[in-house]
Amino acid sequence: MIAPDRLEALYREACEIELQAFKPGNVSVYADGHDMTVADFRRSAEASSGPLCNPAYSLGEKIYYAVKATREAVGCNTNLGIVLLCAPLVRAAADKPEPVSLRQALTQVLSSTTIEDADWVFRAITLAAPGGLGSAGEQDVHQKATVNLLEAMKLAASRDRIAFQYSSGYQDIFDFSTKVYYNVIRGRIGRNWAALAVYVGLLRRFPDSHIERKYGNQYTGMVVARMAALEDALQQAENPEQTLPLLYQIDQEFKSQGINPGTTADLTVATLFTVWLEDISSA
């Protein structure tokens, strides 16, 4: 078990390191974008950390009140995906008995979600009003939920990578992105560059839901090609800072076309959070 104040600090740290990574198309300390700033994301992390890690809240309440606090702090949707991904991890880490792994505890959290959790999450999504949100034939977030949160996420899993994490037990994170982080960090590069490697690896392999909701597959091939080139450059560079000219070039190209890989950035935060939770659990 990890205390709430420790969980809050780890969550804020994961959000900050993700901002320190130069993620093309996304907001970072290197470049703002999409009418949002680094300050917006820092205020969002601070505002959402308390509700997210409040042990008195159910899973759905954690998500709703974290999103509500964010909305009150910055007036826009900066972290819905981050909150959706991190809330089950918070619950798993807070409740995990020894010697159960974080992944096993997370599976238990996801399998025990309720209709009330789904209702709270539907309210959170409606409040956040993410770009490209339309209506759904089943379990539309603008209506009352009639299934539990895991079942609702399974219905959306084919069109949303965050919902897919719920339905698959965070497969992308445990089976891919945490391994990328561990492999890269052994090279003694900074955590911000390891976070970039995670972001690039995910975006090269999995279409970004935020982009797909807005543009369909119009940019999918181009994004994959740019991430493949960047991944190769990072692997070949003696110092990752040698890739900065390429990063600036791709960032400008993406933002000039309105391409924002927001879901991949959310998965990057969740990956960092997972790594640190696992490190504490195994210490």
Protein backbone atom coordinates (compact mmCIF):
# COMPACT_ATOMS: atom_id res chain seq x y z
CA MET A 1 0.00 0.00 0.00
CA ILE A 2 1.16 3.53 -0.80
CA ALA A 3 -0.06 6.52 1.23
CA PRO A 4 -2.24 9.16 -0.48
CA ASP A 5 0.32 11.96 -0.15
CA ARG A 6 2.99 9.77 -1.74
CA LEU A 7 0.62 8.87 -4.58
CA GLU A 8 -0.13 12.56 -5.15
CA ALA A 9 3.57 13.37 -5.36
CA LEU A 10 4.29 10.51 -7.78
CA TYR A 11 1.36 11.50 -9.98
CA ARG A 12 2.49 15.14 -10.15
CA GLU A 13 6.03 13.99 -10.87
CA ALA A 14 4.86 11.81 -13.77
CA CYS A 15 2.92 14.75 -15.19
CA GLU A 16 5.96 17.03 -14.86
CA ILE A 17 8.47 14.65 -16.47
CA GLU A 18 6.10 14.19 -19.40
CA LEU A 19 6.10 17.97 -19.85
CA GLN A 20 9.90 17.96 -19.79
CA ALA A 21 9.94 15.58 -22.77
CA PHE A 22 9.93 17.18 -26.23
CA LYS A 23 6.92 15.32 -27.64
CA PRO A 24 6.31 16.46 -31.24
CA GLY A 25 2.83 17.85 -31.71
CA ASN A 26 2.21 18.07 -27.99
CA VAL A 27 2.70 20.70 -25.29
CA SER A 28 6.09 20.57 -23.57
CA VAL A 29 8.64 22.90 -22.01
CA TYR A 30 10.09 23.25 -25.52
CA ALA A 31 6.89 24.49 -27.15
CA ASP A 32 3.29 25.31 -26.29
CA GLY A 33 0.55 24.42 -28.72
CA HIS A 34 -3.14 24.02 -29.51
CA ASP A 35 -4.01 27.08 -27.37
CA MET A 36 -2.57 25.44 -24.25
CA THR A 37 0.57 26.12 -22.23
CA VAL A 38 2.88 24.23 -19.90
CA ALA A 39 1.46 26.32 -17.05
CA ASP A 40 -2.03 24.99 -17.87
CA PHE A 41 -0.81 21.42 -17.51
CA ARG A 42 1.09 22.12 -14.31
CA ARG A 43 -1.96 23.73 -12.73
CA SER A 44 -4.03 20.79 -13.92
CA ALA A 45 -1.70 18.25 -12.29
CA GLU A 46 -1.73 20.17 -9.04
CA ALA A 47 -5.51 20.62 -9.00
CA SER A 48 -6.34 17.03 -9.94
CA SER A 49 -3.86 15.24 -7.66
CA GLY A 50 -5.87 15.63 -4.46
CA PRO A 51 -9.22 14.32 -5.72
CA LEU A 52 -7.51 11.60 -7.75
CA CYS A 53 -5.72 10.21 -4.70
CA ASN A 54 -8.48 10.79 -2.15
CA PRO A 55 -9.02 7.39 -0.47
CA ALA A 56 -12.60 8.29 0.43
CA TYR A 57 -13.63 8.46 -3.23
CA SER A 58 -14.75 5.56 -5.38
CA LEU A 59 -12.98 5.04 -8.70
CA GLY A 60 -15.64 6.98 -10.59
CA GLU A 61 -15.65 9.80 -8.04
CA LYS A 62 -11.85 10.10 -8.28
CA ILE A 63 -12.15 10.64 -12.01
CA TYR A 64 -15.08 13.06 -11.87
CA TYR A 65 -13.74 15.27 -9.09
CA ALA A 66 -10.23 15.34 -10.60
CA VAL A 67 -11.68 16.48 -13.92
CA LYS A 68 -13.94 18.99 -12.15
CA ALA A 69 -10.97 20.45 -10.25
CA THR A 70 -9.01 20.71 -13.50
CA ARG A 71 -11.87 22.47 -15.24
CA GLU A 72 -12.11 24.98 -12.42
CA ALA A 73 -8.34 25.57 -12.49
CA VAL A 74 -7.71 26.02 -16.22
CA GLY A 75 -11.10 26.13 -17.96
CA CYS A 76 -10.28 23.52 -20.59
CA ASN A 77 -9.60 19.80 -21.06
CA THR A 78 -5.93 19.24 -20.37
CA ASN A 79 -5.91 15.89 -18.61
CA LEU A 80 -9.06 13.78 -19.02
CA GLY A 81 -7.08 10.91 -20.53
CA ILE A 82 -4.39 11.16 -17.87
CA VAL A 83 -6.98 11.03 -15.10
CA LEU A 84 -8.84 8.12 -16.70
CA LEU A 85 -5.62 6.12 -16.95
CA CYS A 86 -4.12 7.02 -13.59
CA ALA A 87 -7.20 6.62 -11.39
CA PRO A 88 -7.26 2.79 -11.55
CA LEU A 89 -3.50 2.74 -10.95
CA VAL A 90 -3.97 4.92 -7.86
CA ARG A 91 -6.67 2.60 -6.57
CA ALA A 92 -4.57 -0.49 -7.26
CA ALA A 93 -1.45 0.94 -5.58
CA ALA A 94 -3.41 2.18 -2.55
CA ASP A 95 -5.21 -1.12 -1.95
CA LYS A 96 -2.56 -3.62 -3.08
CA PRO A 97 -1.69 -6.25 -0.47
CA GLU A 98 1.67 -8.02 -0.50
CA PRO A 99 2.80 -9.96 -2.47
CA VAL A 100 0.26 -9.08 -5.17
CA SER A 101 1.79 -7.25 -8.16
CA LEU A 102 0.56 -3.87 -9.33
CA ARG A 103 -0.74 -5.50 -12.51
CA GLN A 104 -2.69 -8.10 -10.56
CA ALA A 105 -4.13 -5.44 -8.27
CA LEU A 106 -5.10 -3.32 -11.28
CA THR A 107 -6.92 -6.27 -12.84
CA GLN A 108 -8.93 -6.61 -9.64
CA VAL A 109 -9.77 -2.88 -9.64
CA LEU A 110 -10.96 -2.99 -13.25
CA SER A 111 -13.00 -6.16 -12.78
CA SER A 112 -14.84 -4.71 -9.78
CA THR A 113 -16.07 -1.46 -11.36
CA THR A 114 -19.73 -0.55 -10.96
CA ILE A 115 -22.53 1.15 -12.88
CA GLU A 116 -22.09 4.07 -10.48
CA ASP A 117 -18.43 4.32 -11.54
CA ALA A 118 -19.55 4.45 -15.17
CA ASP A 119 -22.05 7.20 -14.37
CA TRP A 120 -19.39 9.31 -12.66
CA VAL A 121 -17.03 8.81 -15.60
CA PHE A 122 -19.73 9.68 -18.14
CA ARG A 123 -20.28 12.92 -16.23
CA ALA A 124 -16.54 13.58 -16.19
CA ILE A 125 -16.21 13.05 -19.94
CA THR A 126 -19.17 15.31 -20.64
CA LEU A 127 -17.70 17.99 -18.37
CA ALA A 128 -14.27 17.78 -20.01
CA ALA A 129 -15.81 17.87 -23.51
CA PRO A 130 -12.83 16.31 -25.32
CA GLY A 131 -12.31 17.23 -28.96
CA GLY A 132 -14.03 14.98 -31.46
CA LEU A 133 -16.47 13.53 -28.92
CA GLY A 134 -19.62 12.48 -30.73
CA SER A 135 -22.42 10.13 -29.82
CA ALA A 136 -22.35 6.37 -29.49
CA GLY A 137 -24.94 3.72 -30.28
CA GLU A 138 -24.41 2.06 -26.90
CA GLN A 139 -23.57 3.64 -23.54
CA ASP A 140 -23.43 7.20 -24.85
CA VAL A 141 -21.74 9.38 -22.22
CA HIS A 142 -24.57 11.92 -22.48
CA GLN A 143 -26.98 9.29 -21.11
CA LYS A 144 -27.18 7.31 -17.85
CA ALA A 145 -24.98 4.23 -17.77
CA THR A 146 -26.62 0.82 -17.66
CA VAL A 147 -23.42 -1.27 -17.48
CA ASN A 148 -20.37 -1.09 -15.25
CA LEU A 149 -17.34 0.99 -16.21
CA LEU A 150 -15.28 -1.92 -17.52
CA GLU A 151 -18.12 -3.08 -19.76
CA ALA A 152 -18.61 0.48 -21.03
CA MET A 153 -14.91 0.73 -21.84
CA LYS A 154 -14.99 -2.58 -23.67
CA LEU A 155 -17.70 -1.17 -25.94
CA ALA A 156 -15.43 1.77 -26.82
CA ALA A 157 -12.14 -0.16 -26.98
CA SER A 158 -12.04 -0.51 -30.76
CA ARG A 159 -12.13 3.26 -31.27
CA ASP A 160 -10.32 4.61 -28.22
CA ARG A 161 -6.86 3.59 -26.96
CA ILE A 162 -7.62 4.59 -23.37
CA ALA A 163 -10.74 2.44 -23.33
CA PHE A 164 -8.59 -0.35 -24.78
CA GLN A 165 -6.30 -0.14 -21.75
CA TYR A 166 -9.25 -0.77 -19.45
CA SER A 167 -10.46 -3.70 -21.56
CA SER A 168 -7.00 -5.27 -21.88
CA GLY A 169 -5.63 -4.72 -18.38
CA TYR A 170 -3.32 -1.93 -19.61
CA GLN A 171 -1.69 -4.17 -22.17
CA ASP A 172 0.12 -1.39 -24.04
CA ILE A 173 1.66 -0.13 -20.82
CA PHE A 174 2.69 -3.36 -19.10
CA ASP A 175 3.70 -5.29 -22.21
CA PHE A 176 5.26 -2.49 -24.24
CA SER A 177 5.83 1.03 -22.95
CA THR A 178 7.19 0.24 -19.48
CA LYS A 179 9.68 -2.10 -21.15
CA VAL A 180 10.73 0.73 -23.49
CA TYR A 181 11.30 2.97 -20.48
CA TYR A 182 13.34 0.41 -18.55
CA ASN A 183 15.47 -0.44 -21.60
CA VAL A 184 16.22 3.19 -22.41
CA ILE A 185 16.81 4.41 -18.86
CA ARG A 186 19.58 1.83 -18.47
CA GLY A 187 21.56 3.94 -20.96
CA ARG A 188 21.68 6.61 -18.23
CA ILE A 189 19.80 9.20 -20.22
CA GLY A 190 17.49 11.56 -18.36
CA ARG A 191 13.95 10.56 -17.48
CA ASN A 192 12.62 13.20 -19.86
CA TRP A 193 14.39 11.54 -22.79
CA ALA A 194 13.20 8.13 -21.64
CA ALA A 195 9.68 9.57 -21.61
CA LEU A 196 10.20 10.76 -25.18
CA ALA A 197 11.29 7.24 -26.20
CA VAL A 198 8.06 5.91 -24.71
CA TYR A 199 5.99 8.50 -26.58
CA VAL A 200 7.73 7.84 -29.90
CA GLY A 201 7.49 4.08 -29.50
CA LEU A 202 3.78 4.19 -28.72
CA LEU A 203 2.93 6.66 -31.49
CA ARG A 204 4.88 4.68 -34.07
CA ARG A 205 2.95 1.50 -33.28
CA PHE A 206 -0.55 2.51 -32.16
CA PRO A 207 -2.73 5.11 -33.94
CA ASP A 208 -3.51 8.03 -31.64
CA SER A 209 -7.19 8.16 -30.70
CA HIS A 210 -7.25 11.95 -30.45
CA ILE A 211 -5.89 12.32 -33.98
CA GLU A 212 -8.16 9.59 -35.35
CA ARG A 213 -11.29 11.14 -33.82
CA LYS A 214 -10.47 14.44 -35.52
CA TYR A 215 -9.04 13.32 -38.86
CA GLY A 216 -9.72 9.60 -39.30
CA ASN A 217 -6.68 7.90 -40.82
CA GLN A 218 -5.70 10.92 -42.94
CA TYR A 219 -2.40 11.42 -41.14
CA THR A 220 -1.75 7.91 -39.81
CA GLY A 221 0.90 6.95 -42.35
CA MET A 222 2.69 10.28 -42.09
CA VAL A 223 2.79 10.16 -38.30
CA VAL A 224 4.16 6.60 -38.31
CA ALA A 225 6.86 7.58 -40.80
CA ARG A 226 7.94 10.60 -38.74
CA MET A 227 8.07 8.55 -35.54
CA ALA A 228 10.06 5.80 -37.28
CA ALA A 229 12.63 8.38 -38.39
CA LEU A 230 12.75 9.90 -34.91
CA GLU A 231 13.05 6.52 -33.22
CA ASP A 232 15.97 5.63 -35.47
CA ALA A 233 17.62 9.00 -34.80
CA LEU A 234 17.28 8.55 -31.04
CA GLN A 235 18.80 5.08 -31.19
CA GLN A 236 21.76 6.26 -33.27
CA ALA A 237 22.49 9.49 -31.39
CA GLU A 238 25.39 9.50 -28.96
CA ASN A 239 23.54 12.24 -27.07
CA PRO A 240 19.75 12.54 -27.41
CA GLU A 241 20.04 16.33 -27.64
CA GLN A 242 21.47 15.76 -31.12
CA THR A 243 17.89 15.01 -32.21
CA LEU A 244 16.60 18.47 -31.22
CA PRO A 245 16.63 19.89 -34.80
CA LEU A 246 14.54 16.94 -35.99
CA LEU A 247 12.21 17.29 -33.01
CA TYR A 248 11.62 20.97 -33.73
CA GLN A 249 10.98 20.17 -37.39
CA ILE A 250 8.40 17.45 -36.67
CA ASP A 251 6.77 19.49 -33.91
CA GLN A 252 6.26 22.43 -36.26
CA GLU A 253 4.94 20.16 -39.00
CA PHE A 254 2.43 18.50 -36.70
CA LYS A 255 1.18 21.69 -35.07
CA SER A 256 0.86 23.54 -38.38
CA GLN A 257 -1.63 20.84 -39.41
CA GLY A 258 -3.44 20.67 -36.08
CA ILE A 259 -2.05 17.23 -35.26
CA ASN A 260 -2.06 16.68 -31.49
CA PRO A 261 -1.18 13.14 -30.32
CA GLY A 262 -2.91 13.76 -27.01
CA THR A 263 -3.81 10.16 -26.25
CA THR A 264 -0.19 9.10 -26.69
CA ALA A 265 0.88 11.83 -24.26
CA ASP A 266 -1.68 10.52 -21.76
CA LEU A 267 -0.30 7.00 -22.15
CA THR A 268 3.19 8.39 -21.57
CA VAL A 269 2.17 9.89 -18.22
CA ALA A 270 0.49 6.62 -17.23
CA THR A 271 3.64 4.70 -18.21
CA LEU A 272 5.84 6.88 -16.02
CA PHE A 273 3.38 6.59 -13.14
CA THR A 274 3.29 2.80 -13.54
CA VAL A 275 7.09 2.54 -13.58
CA TRP A 276 7.46 4.49 -10.36
CA LEU A 277 4.63 2.64 -8.64
CA GLU A 278 6.26 -0.66 -9.57
CA ASP A 279 9.66 0.56 -8.37
CA ILE A 280 8.21 1.45 -4.97
CA SER A 281 6.31 -1.82 -4.74
CA SER A 282 9.42 -3.86 -5.45
CA ALA A 283 11.76 -1.84 -3.22
